[in-house]
Amino acid sequence: VLAIERYIVVCKPMSNFRFGENHAIMGVAFSWIMALACAAPPLFGWSRYIPEGMQ
C-alpha cells in the first residue's frame, strides 16, 4: 500500500490525486484479505508450515 502511494506521488506529481481516508481503509482491508488468504490454507490442513530439516 505504501509502495503504491509513493509510486503515485513520485510518478504523477502534477495530478490532483489525494490519498484520503477511503483509500487508506481500502488499503488496510486489502492487506488483511491478502494476509488471511496466505495464512488460511495451512490452518485448514491444506499444506503446512514446517521448519526445514524437521520433515
N, C-alpha and C. Protein backbone atom coordinates (compact mmCIF):
# COMPACT_ATOMS: atom_id res chain seq x y z
N VAL A 1 0.84 -1.18 0.00
CA VAL A 1 0.00 0.00 0.00
C VAL A 1 0.88 1.24 0.00
N LEU A 2 1.93 1.22 0.82
CA LEU A 2 2.84 2.35 0.84
C LEU A 2 3.56 2.51 -0.49
N ALA A 3 3.94 1.39 -1.10
CA ALA A 3 4.64 1.45 -2.38
C ALA A 3 3.74 2.06 -3.46
N ILE A 4 2.48 1.71 -3.46
CA ILE A 4 1.56 2.27 -4.44
C ILE A 4 1.38 3.77 -4.21
N GLU A 5 1.24 4.16 -2.98
CA GLU A 5 1.09 5.58 -2.66
C GLU A 5 2.33 6.36 -3.06
N ARG A 6 3.51 5.84 -2.77
CA ARG A 6 4.76 6.51 -3.16
C ARG A 6 4.90 6.57 -4.67
N TYR A 7 4.50 5.50 -5.38
CA TYR A 7 4.56 5.49 -6.84
C TYR A 7 3.71 6.63 -7.42
N ILE A 8 2.51 6.79 -6.90
CA ILE A 8 1.62 7.84 -7.40
C ILE A 8 2.23 9.21 -7.13
N VAL A 9 2.78 9.41 -5.95
CA VAL A 9 3.34 10.71 -5.60
C VAL A 9 4.57 11.03 -6.45
N VAL A 10 5.43 10.05 -6.70
CA VAL A 10 6.67 10.30 -7.43
C VAL A 10 6.43 10.37 -8.94
N CYS A 11 5.65 9.46 -9.48
CA CYS A 11 5.48 9.38 -10.94
C CYS A 11 4.41 10.31 -11.49
N LYS A 12 3.49 10.73 -10.68
CA LYS A 12 2.42 11.61 -11.15
C LYS A 12 2.27 12.80 -10.21
N PRO A 13 3.33 13.62 -10.10
CA PRO A 13 3.31 14.70 -9.11
C PRO A 13 2.31 15.81 -9.41
N MET A 14 1.93 15.99 -10.66
CA MET A 14 1.04 17.10 -11.00
C MET A 14 -0.44 16.70 -11.02
N SER A 15 -0.73 15.43 -10.80
CA SER A 15 -2.15 15.04 -10.78
C SER A 15 -2.77 15.49 -9.47
N ASN A 16 -4.08 15.57 -9.45
CA ASN A 16 -4.75 16.03 -8.23
C ASN A 16 -5.27 14.87 -7.39
N PHE A 17 -4.61 13.72 -7.45
CA PHE A 17 -4.99 12.56 -6.65
C PHE A 17 -4.64 12.80 -5.19
N ARG A 18 -5.58 12.55 -4.33
CA ARG A 18 -5.34 12.66 -2.88
C ARG A 18 -5.57 11.29 -2.26
N PHE A 19 -4.62 10.84 -1.48
CA PHE A 19 -4.73 9.57 -0.79
C PHE A 19 -5.51 9.84 0.49
N GLY A 20 -6.82 9.68 0.42
CA GLY A 20 -7.70 10.04 1.53
C GLY A 20 -8.04 8.88 2.44
N GLU A 21 -9.00 9.13 3.30
CA GLU A 21 -9.40 8.13 4.30
C GLU A 21 -9.96 6.87 3.65
N ASN A 22 -10.76 7.03 2.61
CA ASN A 22 -11.33 5.85 1.94
C ASN A 22 -10.24 4.99 1.30
N HIS A 23 -9.25 5.63 0.71
CA HIS A 23 -8.15 4.88 0.11
C HIS A 23 -7.35 4.14 1.19
N ALA A 24 -7.15 4.77 2.32
CA ALA A 24 -6.43 4.13 3.41
C ALA A 24 -7.20 2.92 3.93
N ILE A 25 -8.50 3.05 4.08
CA ILE A 25 -9.32 1.93 4.55
C ILE A 25 -9.27 0.78 3.55
N MET A 26 -9.37 1.09 2.26
CA MET A 26 -9.30 0.04 1.24
C MET A 26 -7.93 -0.63 1.25
N GLY A 27 -6.87 0.14 1.46
CA GLY A 27 -5.52 -0.43 1.51
C GLY A 27 -5.34 -1.37 2.69
N VAL A 28 -5.84 -0.98 3.84
CA VAL A 28 -5.75 -1.84 5.03
C VAL A 28 -6.59 -3.10 4.84
N ALA A 29 -7.78 -2.94 4.29
CA ALA A 29 -8.64 -4.10 4.04
C ALA A 29 -7.97 -5.06 3.05
N PHE A 30 -7.38 -4.53 2.00
CA PHE A 30 -6.68 -5.36 1.02
C PHE A 30 -5.53 -6.11 1.68
N SER A 31 -4.78 -5.43 2.54
CA SER A 31 -3.66 -6.08 3.23
C SER A 31 -4.14 -7.22 4.12
N TRP A 32 -5.23 -7.02 4.85
CA TRP A 32 -5.77 -8.07 5.71
C TRP A 32 -6.30 -9.25 4.90
N ILE A 33 -6.97 -8.96 3.81
CA ILE A 33 -7.51 -10.03 2.97
C ILE A 33 -6.38 -10.87 2.39
N MET A 34 -5.32 -10.23 1.92
CA MET A 34 -4.18 -10.98 1.37
C MET A 34 -3.48 -11.79 2.45
N ALA A 35 -3.34 -11.23 3.65
CA ALA A 35 -2.71 -11.96 4.75
C ALA A 35 -3.54 -13.18 5.13
N LEU A 36 -4.84 -13.03 5.20
CA LEU A 36 -5.71 -14.16 5.53
C LEU A 36 -5.69 -15.21 4.42
N ALA A 37 -5.62 -14.77 3.18
CA ALA A 37 -5.58 -15.71 2.06
C ALA A 37 -4.30 -16.56 2.10
N CYS A 38 -3.21 -15.97 2.56
CA CYS A 38 -1.95 -16.72 2.65
C CYS A 38 -1.89 -17.60 3.89
N ALA A 39 -2.54 -17.19 4.97
CA ALA A 39 -2.44 -17.93 6.23
C ALA A 39 -3.54 -18.97 6.42
N ALA A 40 -4.66 -18.84 5.73
CA ALA A 40 -5.79 -19.74 5.96
C ALA A 40 -5.57 -21.18 5.50
N PRO A 41 -5.00 -21.45 4.34
CA PRO A 41 -4.89 -22.85 3.91
C PRO A 41 -4.19 -23.77 4.91
N PRO A 42 -3.05 -23.40 5.49
CA PRO A 42 -2.44 -24.29 6.48
C PRO A 42 -3.30 -24.48 7.74
N LEU A 43 -4.08 -23.47 8.09
CA LEU A 43 -4.95 -23.61 9.25
C LEU A 43 -6.03 -24.66 9.03
N PHE A 44 -6.41 -24.86 7.78
CA PHE A 44 -7.44 -25.84 7.45
C PHE A 44 -6.86 -27.16 6.97
N GLY A 45 -5.55 -27.35 7.12
CA GLY A 45 -4.92 -28.62 6.82
C GLY A 45 -4.43 -28.79 5.39
N TRP A 46 -4.53 -27.76 4.59
CA TRP A 46 -4.05 -27.84 3.21
C TRP A 46 -2.63 -27.30 3.16
N SER A 47 -1.66 -28.18 3.00
CA SER A 47 -0.25 -27.85 3.10
C SER A 47 0.07 -27.57 4.56
N ARG A 48 1.28 -27.18 4.85
CA ARG A 48 1.63 -26.85 6.23
C ARG A 48 2.97 -26.13 6.26
N TYR A 49 3.20 -25.44 7.35
CA TYR A 49 4.47 -24.76 7.56
C TYR A 49 5.30 -25.63 8.49
N ILE A 50 6.48 -26.05 8.06
CA ILE A 50 7.37 -26.80 8.94
C ILE A 50 8.79 -26.28 8.74
N PRO A 51 9.58 -26.23 9.80
CA PRO A 51 10.96 -25.80 9.66
C PRO A 51 11.75 -26.76 8.76
N GLU A 52 12.67 -26.22 8.02
CA GLU A 52 13.48 -27.04 7.13
C GLU A 52 14.32 -28.01 7.94
N GLY A 53 14.37 -29.26 7.54
CA GLY A 53 15.13 -30.27 8.25
C GLY A 53 14.33 -31.01 9.31
N MET A 54 13.09 -30.65 9.53
CA MET A 54 12.26 -31.28 10.55
C MET A 54 11.22 -32.21 9.92
N GLN A 55 11.43 -32.63 8.69
CA GLN A 55 10.42 -33.42 7.99
C GLN A 55 10.41 -34.82 8.46
